[in-house]
Amino acid sequence: MGEGLTNAGISQRLFISGGAVEKHTQRLFAKLGLSDSASVHRRVTAVLTLLGR
């Protein structure tokens, strides 16, 4: 995600299904407290949160 890959790109690189990527990213967003919002891009926010630590 930090490299700008789509879910399909992540699944190809890790040899897992797209559904597995979706499931893990949803859990990541939940742990970071990032709710689904039209005004905030959760993938970008998640990466920025990680880089800020």
PDB file of N, CA and C in Angstrom:
ATOM      1  N   MET A   1       0.839  -1.180   0.000  1.00  0.00           N
ATOM      2  CA  MET A   1       0.000   0.000   0.000  1.00  0.00           C
ATOM      3  C   MET A   1       0.888   1.249   0.000  1.00  0.00           C
ATOM      4  N   GLY A   2       1.974   1.191   0.749  1.00  0.00           N
ATOM      5  CA  GLY A   2       2.889   2.324   0.828  1.00  0.00           C
ATOM      6  C   GLY A   2       3.631   2.578  -0.469  1.00  0.00           C
ATOM      7  N   GLU A   3       3.654   1.597  -1.340  1.00  0.00           N
ATOM      8  CA  GLU A   3       4.292   1.753  -2.651  1.00  0.00           C
ATOM      9  C   GLU A   3       3.300   2.186  -3.715  1.00  0.00           C
ATOM     10  N   GLY A   4       2.056   2.433  -3.326  1.00  0.00           N
ATOM     11  CA  GLY A   4       1.046   2.892  -4.258  1.00  0.00           C
ATOM     12  C   GLY A   4       0.372   1.786  -5.045  1.00  0.00           C
ATOM     13  N   LEU A   5       0.535   0.535  -4.609  1.00  0.00           N
ATOM     14  CA  LEU A   5      -0.084  -0.583  -5.314  1.00  0.00           C
ATOM     15  C   LEU A   5      -1.580  -0.636  -5.055  1.00  0.00           C
ATOM     16  N   THR A   6      -2.320  -1.081  -6.052  1.00  0.00           N
ATOM     17  CA  THR A   6      -3.745  -1.337  -5.887  1.00  0.00           C
ATOM     18  C   THR A   6      -3.905  -2.658  -5.147  1.00  0.00           C
ATOM     19  N   ASN A   7      -5.135  -2.979  -4.771  1.00  0.00           N
ATOM     20  CA  ASN A   7      -5.378  -4.279  -4.141  1.00  0.00           C
ATOM     21  C   ASN A   7      -4.957  -5.409  -5.069  1.00  0.00           C
ATOM     22  N   ALA A   8      -5.227  -5.256  -6.366  1.00  0.00           N
ATOM     23  CA  ALA A   8      -4.823  -6.286  -7.332  1.00  0.00           C
ATOM     24  C   ALA A   8      -3.303  -6.417  -7.379  1.00  0.00           C
ATOM     25  N   GLY A   9      -2.601  -5.305  -7.337  1.00  0.00           N
ATOM     26  CA  GLY A   9      -1.144  -5.337  -7.335  1.00  0.00           C
ATOM     27  C   GLY A   9      -0.579  -5.977  -6.086  1.00  0.00           C
ATOM     28  N   ILE A  10      -1.194  -5.691  -4.950  1.00  0.00           N
ATOM     29  CA  ILE A  10      -0.758  -6.290  -3.687  1.00  0.00           C
ATOM     30  C   ILE A  10      -1.007  -7.793  -3.714  1.00  0.00           C
ATOM     31  N   SER A  11      -2.183  -8.198  -4.204  1.00  0.00           N
ATOM     32  CA  SER A  11      -2.504  -9.631  -4.224  1.00  0.00           C
ATOM     33  C   SER A  11      -1.564 -10.401  -5.146  1.00  0.00           C
ATOM     34  N   GLN A  12      -1.190  -9.803  -6.275  1.00  0.00           N
ATOM     35  CA  GLN A  12      -0.252 -10.462  -7.180  1.00  0.00           C
ATOM     36  C   GLN A  12       1.126 -10.595  -6.542  1.00  0.00           C
ATOM     37  N   ARG A  13       1.565  -9.550  -5.886  1.00  0.00           N
ATOM     38  CA  ARG A  13       2.898  -9.575  -5.278  1.00  0.00           C
ATOM     39  C   ARG A  13       2.987 -10.572  -4.125  1.00  0.00           C
ATOM     40  N   LEU A  14       1.904 -10.677  -3.349  1.00  0.00           N
ATOM     41  CA  LEU A  14       1.913 -11.551  -2.174  1.00  0.00           C
ATOM     42  C   LEU A  14       1.345 -12.937  -2.447  1.00  0.00           C
ATOM     43  N   PHE A  15       0.859 -13.147  -3.682  1.00  0.00           N
ATOM     44  CA  PHE A  15       0.273 -14.433  -4.062  1.00  0.00           C
ATOM     45  C   PHE A  15      -0.915 -14.808  -3.173  1.00  0.00           C
ATOM     46  N   ILE A  16      -1.772 -13.818  -2.915  1.00  0.00           N
ATOM     47  CA  ILE A  16      -3.003 -14.049  -2.163  1.00  0.00           C
ATOM     48  C   ILE A  16      -4.170 -13.486  -2.976  1.00  0.00           C
ATOM     49  N   SER A  17      -5.382 -13.805  -2.586  1.00  0.00           N
ATOM     50  CA  SER A  17      -6.553 -13.338  -3.332  1.00  0.00           C
ATOM     51  C   SER A  17      -6.822 -11.860  -3.058  1.00  0.00           C
ATOM     52  N   GLY A  18      -7.549 -11.260  -3.990  1.00  0.00           N
ATOM     53  CA  GLY A  18      -7.961  -9.873  -3.804  1.00  0.00           C
ATOM     54  C   GLY A  18      -8.848  -9.713  -2.586  1.00  0.00           C
ATOM     55  N   GLY A  19      -9.656 -10.736  -2.304  1.00  0.00           N
ATOM     56  CA  GLY A  19     -10.508 -10.702  -1.120  1.00  0.00           C
ATOM     57  C   GLY A  19      -9.705 -10.675   0.169  1.00  0.00           C
ATOM     58  N   ALA A  20      -8.597 -11.403   0.172  1.00  0.00           N
ATOM     59  CA  ALA A  20      -7.727 -11.414   1.361  1.00  0.00           C
ATOM     60  C   ALA A  20      -7.102 -10.041   1.578  1.00  0.00           C
ATOM     61  N   VAL A  21      -6.701  -9.395   0.500  1.00  0.00           N
ATOM     62  CA  VAL A  21      -6.135  -8.048   0.607  1.00  0.00           C
ATOM     63  C   VAL A  21      -7.189  -7.095   1.162  1.00  0.00           C
ATOM     64  N   GLU A  22      -8.392  -7.172   0.631  1.00  0.00           N
ATOM     65  CA  GLU A  22      -9.482  -6.312   1.097  1.00  0.00           C
ATOM     66  C   GLU A  22      -9.758  -6.533   2.579  1.00  0.00           C
ATOM     67  N   LYS A  23      -9.797  -7.779   2.987  1.00  0.00           N
ATOM     68  CA  LYS A  23     -10.065  -8.119   4.388  1.00  0.00           C
ATOM     69  C   LYS A  23      -8.982  -7.534   5.307  1.00  0.00           C
ATOM     70  N   HIS A  24      -7.737  -7.676   4.918  1.00  0.00           N
ATOM     71  CA  HIS A  24      -6.638  -7.177   5.756  1.00  0.00           C
ATOM     72  C   HIS A  24      -6.586  -5.652   5.771  1.00  0.00           C
ATOM     73  N   THR A  25      -6.851  -5.016   4.626  1.00  0.00           N
ATOM     74  CA  THR A  25      -6.833  -3.552   4.628  1.00  0.00           C
ATOM     75  C   THR A  25      -7.977  -2.996   5.469  1.00  0.00           C
ATOM     76  N   GLN A  26      -9.141  -3.646   5.429  1.00  0.00           N
ATOM     77  CA  GLN A  26     -10.259  -3.198   6.264  1.00  0.00           C
ATOM     78  C   GLN A  26      -9.909  -3.300   7.748  1.00  0.00           C
ATOM     79  N   ARG A  27      -9.234  -4.377   8.120  1.00  0.00           N
ATOM     80  CA  ARG A  27      -8.813  -4.534   9.531  1.00  0.00           C
ATOM     81  C   ARG A  27      -7.774  -3.490   9.911  1.00  0.00           C
ATOM     82  N   LEU A  28      -6.873  -3.187   8.994  1.00  0.00           N
ATOM     83  CA  LEU A  28      -5.866  -2.154   9.234  1.00  0.00           C
ATOM     84  C   LEU A  28      -6.533  -0.805   9.449  1.00  0.00           C
ATOM     85  N   PHE A  29      -7.474  -0.468   8.574  1.00  0.00           N
ATOM     86  CA  PHE A  29      -8.186   0.801   8.719  1.00  0.00           C
ATOM     87  C   PHE A  29      -8.927   0.861  10.058  1.00  0.00           C
ATOM     88  N   ALA A  30      -9.532  -0.237  10.457  1.00  0.00           N
ATOM     89  CA  ALA A  30     -10.262  -0.274  11.732  1.00  0.00           C
ATOM     90  C   ALA A  30      -9.311  -0.067  12.904  1.00  0.00           C
ATOM     91  N   LYS A  31      -8.150  -0.712  12.871  1.00  0.00           N
ATOM     92  CA  LYS A  31      -7.184  -0.555  13.974  1.00  0.00           C
ATOM     93  C   LYS A  31      -6.668   0.865  14.073  1.00  0.00           C
ATOM     94  N   LEU A  32      -6.578   1.539  12.919  1.00  0.00           N
ATOM     95  CA  LEU A  32      -6.112   2.924  12.912  1.00  0.00           C
ATOM     96  C   LEU A  32      -7.247   3.911  13.184  1.00  0.00           C
ATOM     97  N   GLY A  33      -8.473   3.397  13.309  1.00  0.00           N
ATOM     98  CA  GLY A  33      -9.620   4.259  13.571  1.00  0.00           C
ATOM     99  C   GLY A  33     -10.030   5.090  12.377  1.00  0.00           C
ATOM    100  N   LEU A  34      -9.776   4.584  11.172  1.00  0.00           N
ATOM    101  CA  LEU A  34     -10.102   5.321   9.956  1.00  0.00           C
ATOM    102  C   LEU A  34     -11.439   4.838   9.409  1.00  0.00           C
ATOM    103  N   SER A  35     -12.451   5.682   9.535  1.00  0.00           N
ATOM    104  CA  SER A  35     -13.772   5.312   9.034  1.00  0.00           C
ATOM    105  C   SER A  35     -13.882   5.674   7.561  1.00  0.00           C
ATOM    106  N   ASP A  36     -14.853   5.070   6.890  1.00  0.00           N
ATOM    107  CA  ASP A  36     -15.081   5.316   5.475  1.00  0.00           C
ATOM    108  C   ASP A  36     -15.672   6.704   5.311  1.00  0.00           C
ATOM    109  N   SER A  37     -14.965   7.574   4.607  1.00  0.00           N
ATOM    110  CA  SER A  37     -15.419   8.941   4.417  1.00  0.00           C
ATOM    111  C   SER A  37     -15.115   9.376   2.989  1.00  0.00           C
ATOM    112  N   ALA A  38     -16.025  10.115   2.395  1.00  0.00           N
ATOM    113  CA  ALA A  38     -15.825  10.593   1.029  1.00  0.00           C
ATOM    114  C   ALA A  38     -14.766  11.693   0.970  1.00  0.00           C
ATOM    115  N   SER A  39     -14.511  12.353   2.087  1.00  0.00           N
ATOM    116  CA  SER A  39     -13.582  13.483   2.080  1.00  0.00           C
ATOM    117  C   SER A  39     -12.146  13.100   2.444  1.00  0.00           C
ATOM    118  N   VAL A  40     -11.922  11.859   2.895  1.00  0.00           N
ATOM    119  CA  VAL A  40     -10.594  11.430   3.321  1.00  0.00           C
ATOM    120  C   VAL A  40     -10.241  10.119   2.630  1.00  0.00           C
ATOM    121  N   HIS A  41      -9.045  10.058   2.068  1.00  0.00           N
ATOM    122  CA  HIS A  41      -8.580   8.835   1.415  1.00  0.00           C
ATOM    123  C   HIS A  41      -7.879   7.985   2.472  1.00  0.00           C
ATOM    124  N   ARG A  42      -8.515   6.887   2.887  1.00  0.00           N
ATOM    125  CA  ARG A  42      -8.001   6.069   3.990  1.00  0.00           C
ATOM    126  C   ARG A  42      -6.647   5.450   3.686  1.00  0.00           C
ATOM    127  N   ARG A  43      -6.385   5.060   2.449  1.00  0.00           N
ATOM    128  CA  ARG A  43      -5.096   4.441   2.116  1.00  0.00           C
ATOM    129  C   ARG A  43      -3.957   5.433   2.347  1.00  0.00           C
ATOM    130  N   VAL A  44      -4.149   6.659   1.924  1.00  0.00           N
ATOM    131  CA  VAL A  44      -3.129   7.698   2.113  1.00  0.00           C
ATOM    132  C   VAL A  44      -2.958   8.003   3.594  1.00  0.00           C
ATOM    133  N   THR A  45      -4.059   8.140   4.305  1.00  0.00           N
ATOM    134  CA  THR A  45      -4.006   8.419   5.739  1.00  0.00           C
ATOM    135  C   THR A  45      -3.303   7.307   6.495  1.00  0.00           C
ATOM    136  N   ALA A  46      -3.564   6.048   6.116  1.00  0.00           N
ATOM    137  CA  ALA A  46      -2.913   4.914   6.782  1.00  0.00           C
ATOM    138  C   ALA A  46      -1.396   4.964   6.586  1.00  0.00           C
ATOM    139  N   VAL A  47      -0.963   5.253   5.372  1.00  0.00           N
ATOM    140  CA  VAL A  47       0.477   5.319   5.099  1.00  0.00           C
ATOM    141  C   VAL A  47       1.107   6.491   5.847  1.00  0.00           C
ATOM    142  N   LEU A  48       0.451   7.630   5.838  1.00  0.00           N
ATOM    143  CA  LEU A  48       0.978   8.782   6.559  1.00  0.00           C
ATOM    144  C   LEU A  48       1.051   8.522   8.065  1.00  0.00           C
ATOM    145  N   THR A  49       0.068   7.802   8.597  1.00  0.00           N
ATOM    146  CA  THR A  49       0.091   7.431  10.012  1.00  0.00           C
ATOM    147  C   THR A  49       1.294   6.561  10.313  1.00  0.00           C
ATOM    148  N   LEU A  50       1.546   5.583   9.454  1.00  0.00           N
ATOM    149  CA  LEU A  50       2.691   4.690   9.629  1.00  0.00           C
ATOM    150  C   LEU A  50       4.005   5.471   9.566  1.00  0.00           C
ATOM    151  N   LEU A  51       4.136   6.375   8.614  1.00  0.00           N
ATOM    152  CA  LEU A  51       5.372   7.131   8.461  1.00  0.00           C
ATOM    153  C   LEU A  51       5.606   8.094   9.617  1.00  0.00           C
ATOM    154  N   GLY A  52       4.534   8.523  10.273  1.00  0.00           N
ATOM    155  CA  GLY A  52       4.640   9.454  11.386  1.00  0.00           C
ATOM    156  C   GLY A  52       5.072   8.792  12.682  1.00  0.00           C
ATOM    157  N   ARG A  53       5.104   7.468  12.707  1.00  0.00           N
ATOM    158  CA  ARG A  53       5.450   6.769  13.942  1.00  0.00           C
ATOM    159  C   ARG A  53       6.923   6.613  14.098  1.00  0.00           C
TER     160      ARG A  53
END
